[in-house]
Amino acid sequence: MRDGDDPALTVHPAGTPDHRLPAGDVLDKKHARLLFQWPGRDVLLPAPVERCD
């Protein structure tokens, strides 16, 4: 088990540009962009996670 708070998850439309998303980890899916925000971390990662098909 991990200590600490869980991440917040928000879902954004697939076409949402990076500059319109809040800081967090982005997982791009076909119809949506999932954004995970970890407590205590407020910076963007260098690049979005690549989609594997």
PDB file of N, CA and C in Angstrom:
ATOM      1  N   MET A   1       0.847  -1.177   0.000  1.00  0.00           N
ATOM      2  CA  MET A   1       0.000   0.000   0.000  1.00  0.00           C
ATOM      3  C   MET A   1       0.892   1.238   0.000  1.00  0.00           C
ATOM      4  N   ARG A   2       0.444   2.259  -0.690  1.00  0.00           N
ATOM      5  CA  ARG A   2       1.193   3.498  -0.846  1.00  0.00           C
ATOM      6  C   ARG A   2       0.702   4.528   0.170  1.00  0.00           C
ATOM      7  N   ASP A   3       1.624   5.289   0.745  1.00  0.00           N
ATOM      8  CA  ASP A   3       1.249   6.379   1.657  1.00  0.00           C
ATOM      9  C   ASP A   3       0.941   7.622   0.846  1.00  0.00           C
ATOM     10  N   GLY A   4       0.027   8.451   1.314  1.00  0.00           N
ATOM     11  CA  GLY A   4      -0.258   9.715   0.655  1.00  0.00           C
ATOM     12  C   GLY A   4      -1.607   9.717  -0.053  1.00  0.00           C
ATOM     13  N   ASP A   5      -1.910  10.864  -0.619  1.00  0.00           N
ATOM     14  CA  ASP A   5      -3.189  11.065  -1.282  1.00  0.00           C
ATOM     15  C   ASP A   5      -3.201  10.444  -2.671  1.00  0.00           C
ATOM     16  N   ASP A   6      -4.386  10.118  -3.137  1.00  0.00           N
ATOM     17  CA  ASP A   6      -4.569   9.591  -4.478  1.00  0.00           C
ATOM     18  C   ASP A   6      -4.624  10.750  -5.477  1.00  0.00           C
ATOM     19  N   PRO A   7      -4.336  10.469  -6.750  1.00  0.00           N
ATOM     20  CA  PRO A   7      -4.395  11.533  -7.755  1.00  0.00           C
ATOM     21  C   PRO A   7      -5.846  11.886  -8.085  1.00  0.00           C
ATOM     22  N   ALA A   8      -6.052  13.127  -8.536  1.00  0.00           N
ATOM     23  CA  ALA A   8      -7.349  13.540  -9.061  1.00  0.00           C
ATOM     24  C   ALA A   8      -7.346  13.213 -10.550  1.00  0.00           C
ATOM     25  N   LEU A   9      -8.473  12.753 -11.077  1.00  0.00           N
ATOM     26  CA  LEU A   9      -8.595  12.408 -12.487  1.00  0.00           C
ATOM     27  C   LEU A   9      -9.646  13.298 -13.112  1.00  0.00           C
ATOM     28  N   THR A  10      -9.281  13.964 -14.223  1.00  0.00           N
ATOM     29  CA  THR A  10     -10.256  14.710 -15.006  1.00  0.00           C
ATOM     30  C   THR A  10     -10.182  14.215 -16.444  1.00  0.00           C
ATOM     31  N   VAL A  11     -11.303  14.307 -17.143  1.00  0.00           N
ATOM     32  CA  VAL A  11     -11.387  13.839 -18.527  1.00  0.00           C
ATOM     33  C   VAL A  11     -11.698  15.034 -19.412  1.00  0.00           C
ATOM     34  N   HIS A  12     -10.919  15.176 -20.487  1.00  0.00           N
ATOM     35  CA  HIS A  12     -11.055  16.292 -21.418  1.00  0.00           C
ATOM     36  C   HIS A  12     -11.262  15.736 -22.825  1.00  0.00           C
ATOM     37  N   PRO A  13     -11.928  16.494 -23.713  1.00  0.00           N
ATOM     38  CA  PRO A  13     -12.113  16.019 -25.086  1.00  0.00           C
ATOM     39  C   PRO A  13     -10.775  15.733 -25.763  1.00  0.00           C
ATOM     40  N   ALA A  14     -10.757  14.783 -26.690  1.00  0.00           N
ATOM     41  CA  ALA A  14      -9.526  14.366 -27.363  1.00  0.00           C
ATOM     42  C   ALA A  14      -8.804  15.526 -28.041  1.00  0.00           C
ATOM     43  N   GLY A  15      -9.493  16.514 -28.545  1.00  0.00           N
ATOM     44  CA  GLY A  15      -8.859  17.612 -29.260  1.00  0.00           C
ATOM     45  C   GLY A  15      -8.360  18.749 -28.389  1.00  0.00           C
ATOM     46  N   THR A  16      -8.443  18.622 -27.076  1.00  0.00           N
ATOM     47  CA  THR A  16      -8.008  19.697 -26.191  1.00  0.00           C
ATOM     48  C   THR A  16      -6.497  19.903 -26.318  1.00  0.00           C
ATOM     49  N   PRO A  17      -6.062  21.129 -26.688  1.00  0.00           N
ATOM     50  CA  PRO A  17      -4.613  21.366 -26.820  1.00  0.00           C
ATOM     51  C   PRO A  17      -3.911  21.341 -25.456  1.00  0.00           C
ATOM     52  N   ASP A  18      -2.628  20.988 -25.483  1.00  0.00           N
ATOM     53  CA  ASP A  18      -1.844  20.902 -24.245  1.00  0.00           C
ATOM     54  C   ASP A  18      -1.915  22.172 -23.415  1.00  0.00           C
ATOM     55  N   HIS A  19      -1.860  23.338 -24.067  1.00  0.00           N
ATOM     56  CA  HIS A  19      -1.825  24.593 -23.301  1.00  0.00           C
ATOM     57  C   HIS A  19      -3.145  24.882 -22.587  1.00  0.00           C
ATOM     58  N   ARG A  20      -4.210  24.154 -22.903  1.00  0.00           N
ATOM     59  CA  ARG A  20      -5.499  24.341 -22.238  1.00  0.00           C
ATOM     60  C   ARG A  20      -5.696  23.377 -21.066  1.00  0.00           C
ATOM     61  N   LEU A  21      -4.759  22.461 -20.875  1.00  0.00           N
ATOM     62  CA  LEU A  21      -4.854  21.499 -19.781  1.00  0.00           C
ATOM     63  C   LEU A  21      -4.096  22.001 -18.561  1.00  0.00           C
ATOM     64  N   PRO A  22      -4.598  21.695 -17.375  1.00  0.00           N
ATOM     65  CA  PRO A  22      -3.831  22.032 -16.177  1.00  0.00           C
ATOM     66  C   PRO A  22      -2.605  21.123 -16.064  1.00  0.00           C
ATOM     67  N   ALA A  23      -1.711  21.454 -15.169  1.00  0.00           N
ATOM     68  CA  ALA A  23      -0.519  20.626 -14.955  1.00  0.00           C
ATOM     69  C   ALA A  23      -0.933  19.238 -14.490  1.00  0.00           C
ATOM     70  N   GLY A  24      -0.274  18.237 -15.023  1.00  0.00           N
ATOM     71  CA  GLY A  24      -0.568  16.867 -14.636  1.00  0.00           C
ATOM     72  C   GLY A  24      -0.036  15.896 -15.670  1.00  0.00           C
ATOM     73  N   ASP A  25      -0.301  14.636 -15.453  1.00  0.00           N
ATOM     74  CA  ASP A  25       0.123  13.582 -16.371  1.00  0.00           C
ATOM     75  C   ASP A  25      -1.031  13.274 -17.314  1.00  0.00           C
ATOM     76  N   VAL A  26      -0.783  13.336 -18.623  1.00  0.00           N
ATOM     77  CA  VAL A  26      -1.828  13.149 -19.624  1.00  0.00           C
ATOM     78  C   VAL A  26      -1.717  11.766 -20.253  1.00  0.00           C
ATOM     79  N   LEU A  27      -2.842  11.100 -20.347  1.00  0.00           N
ATOM     80  CA  LEU A  27      -2.936   9.838 -21.061  1.00  0.00           C
ATOM     81  C   LEU A  27      -3.927  10.049 -22.195  1.00  0.00           C
ATOM     82  N   ASP A  28      -3.427  10.048 -23.431  1.00  0.00           N
ATOM     83  CA  ASP A  28      -4.275  10.273 -24.595  1.00  0.00           C
ATOM     84  C   ASP A  28      -4.965   8.978 -25.004  1.00  0.00           C
ATOM     85  N   LYS A  29      -6.277   9.040 -25.126  1.00  0.00           N
ATOM     86  CA  LYS A  29      -7.082   7.928 -25.608  1.00  0.00           C
ATOM     87  C   LYS A  29      -7.751   8.384 -26.914  1.00  0.00           C
ATOM     88  N   LYS A  30      -8.460   7.495 -27.570  1.00  0.00           N
ATOM     89  CA  LYS A  30      -9.065   7.815 -28.865  1.00  0.00           C
ATOM     90  C   LYS A  30     -10.048   8.981 -28.766  1.00  0.00           C
ATOM     91  N   HIS A  31     -10.905   8.995 -27.762  1.00  0.00           N
ATOM     92  CA  HIS A  31     -11.954  10.000 -27.651  1.00  0.00           C
ATOM     93  C   HIS A  31     -11.780  10.979 -26.497  1.00  0.00           C
ATOM     94  N   ALA A  32     -10.706  10.847 -25.747  1.00  0.00           N
ATOM     95  CA  ALA A  32     -10.544  11.706 -24.568  1.00  0.00           C
ATOM     96  C   ALA A  32      -9.077  11.799 -24.173  1.00  0.00           C
ATOM     97  N   ARG A  33      -8.788  12.819 -23.383  1.00  0.00           N
ATOM     98  CA  ARG A  33      -7.475  12.969 -22.759  1.00  0.00           C
ATOM     99  C   ARG A  33      -7.696  12.867 -21.254  1.00  0.00           C
ATOM    100  N   LEU A  34      -7.078  11.876 -20.639  1.00  0.00           N
ATOM    101  CA  LEU A  34      -7.205  11.684 -19.201  1.00  0.00           C
ATOM    102  C   LEU A  34      -6.067  12.426 -18.519  1.00  0.00           C
ATOM    103  N   LEU A  35      -6.405  13.212 -17.521  1.00  0.00           N
ATOM    104  CA  LEU A  35      -5.401  14.010 -16.833  1.00  0.00           C
ATOM    105  C   LEU A  35      -5.369  13.631 -15.355  1.00  0.00           C
ATOM    106  N   PHE A  36      -4.211  13.159 -14.916  1.00  0.00           N
ATOM    107  CA  PHE A  36      -4.009  12.778 -13.520  1.00  0.00           C
ATOM    108  C   PHE A  36      -3.198  13.869 -12.841  1.00  0.00           C
ATOM    109  N   GLN A  37      -3.717  14.385 -11.733  1.00  0.00           N
ATOM    110  CA  GLN A  37      -3.019  15.420 -10.967  1.00  0.00           C
ATOM    111  C   GLN A  37      -2.668  14.846  -9.597  1.00  0.00           C
ATOM    112  N   TRP A  38      -1.355  14.717  -9.356  1.00  0.00           N
ATOM    113  CA  TRP A  38      -0.869  14.167  -8.101  1.00  0.00           C
ATOM    114  C   TRP A  38      -0.709  15.281  -7.078  1.00  0.00           C
ATOM    115  N   PRO A  39      -1.189  15.091  -5.859  1.00  0.00           N
ATOM    116  CA  PRO A  39      -1.028  16.104  -4.807  1.00  0.00           C
ATOM    117  C   PRO A  39       0.449  16.446  -4.602  1.00  0.00           C
ATOM    118  N   GLY A  40       0.750  17.731  -4.553  1.00  0.00           N
ATOM    119  CA  GLY A  40       2.109  18.196  -4.314  1.00  0.00           C
ATOM    120  C   GLY A  40       2.961  18.320  -5.554  1.00  0.00           C
ATOM    121  N   ARG A  41       2.424  17.975  -6.725  1.00  0.00           N
ATOM    122  CA  ARG A  41       3.194  18.111  -7.955  1.00  0.00           C
ATOM    123  C   ARG A  41       2.416  19.012  -8.909  1.00  0.00           C
ATOM    124  N   ASP A  42       3.007  20.148  -9.263  1.00  0.00           N
ATOM    125  CA  ASP A  42       2.280  21.121 -10.090  1.00  0.00           C
ATOM    126  C   ASP A  42       3.067  21.534 -11.331  1.00  0.00           C
ATOM    127  N   VAL A  43       3.862  20.622 -11.868  1.00  0.00           N
ATOM    128  CA  VAL A  43       4.608  20.913 -13.094  1.00  0.00           C
ATOM    129  C   VAL A  43       4.232  19.893 -14.169  1.00  0.00           C
ATOM    130  N   LEU A  44       4.380  20.284 -15.431  1.00  0.00           N
ATOM    131  CA  LEU A  44       4.098  19.385 -16.540  1.00  0.00           C
ATOM    132  C   LEU A  44       5.268  18.452 -16.783  1.00  0.00           C
ATOM    133  N   LEU A  45       4.975  17.244 -17.207  1.00  0.00           N
ATOM    134  CA  LEU A  45       6.028  16.342 -17.650  1.00  0.00           C
ATOM    135  C   LEU A  45       6.538  16.822 -19.006  1.00  0.00           C
ATOM    136  N   PRO A  46       7.723  16.422 -19.432  1.00  0.00           N
ATOM    137  CA  PRO A  46       8.279  16.904 -20.692  1.00  0.00           C
ATOM    138  C   PRO A  46       7.426  16.620 -21.912  1.00  0.00           C
ATOM    139  N   ALA A  47       6.665  15.539 -21.928  1.00  0.00           N
ATOM    140  CA  ALA A  47       5.834  15.198 -23.089  1.00  0.00           C
ATOM    141  C   ALA A  47       4.687  14.306 -22.652  1.00  0.00           C
ATOM    142  N   PRO A  48       3.586  14.329 -23.410  1.00  0.00           N
ATOM    143  CA  PRO A  48       2.484  13.422 -23.073  1.00  0.00           C
ATOM    144  C   PRO A  48       2.899  11.968 -23.265  1.00  0.00           C
ATOM    145  N   VAL A  49       2.191  11.086 -22.621  1.00  0.00           N
ATOM    146  CA  VAL A  49       2.431   9.661 -22.784  1.00  0.00           C
ATOM    147  C   VAL A  49       2.008   9.259 -24.195  1.00  0.00           C
ATOM    148  N   GLU A  50       2.828   8.473 -24.870  1.00  0.00           N
ATOM    149  CA  GLU A  50       2.517   8.029 -26.231  1.00  0.00           C
ATOM    150  C   GLU A  50       1.450   6.943 -26.196  1.00  0.00           C
ATOM    151  N   ARG A  51       0.584   6.971 -27.176  1.00  0.00           N
ATOM    152  CA  ARG A  51      -0.486   5.975 -27.284  1.00  0.00           C
ATOM    153  C   ARG A  51       0.034   4.745 -28.011  1.00  0.00           C
ATOM    154  N   CYS A  52      -0.213   3.564 -27.453  1.00  0.00           N
ATOM    155  CA  CYS A  52       0.197   2.306 -28.076  1.00  0.00           C
ATOM    156  C   CYS A  52      -1.046   1.605 -28.625  1.00  0.00           C
ATOM    157  N   ASP A  53      -1.003   1.242 -29.875  1.00  0.00           N
ATOM    158  CA  ASP A  53      -2.123   0.509 -30.486  1.00  0.00           C
ATOM    159  C   ASP A  53      -1.754  -0.919 -30.770  1.00  0.00           C
TER     160      ASP A  53
END
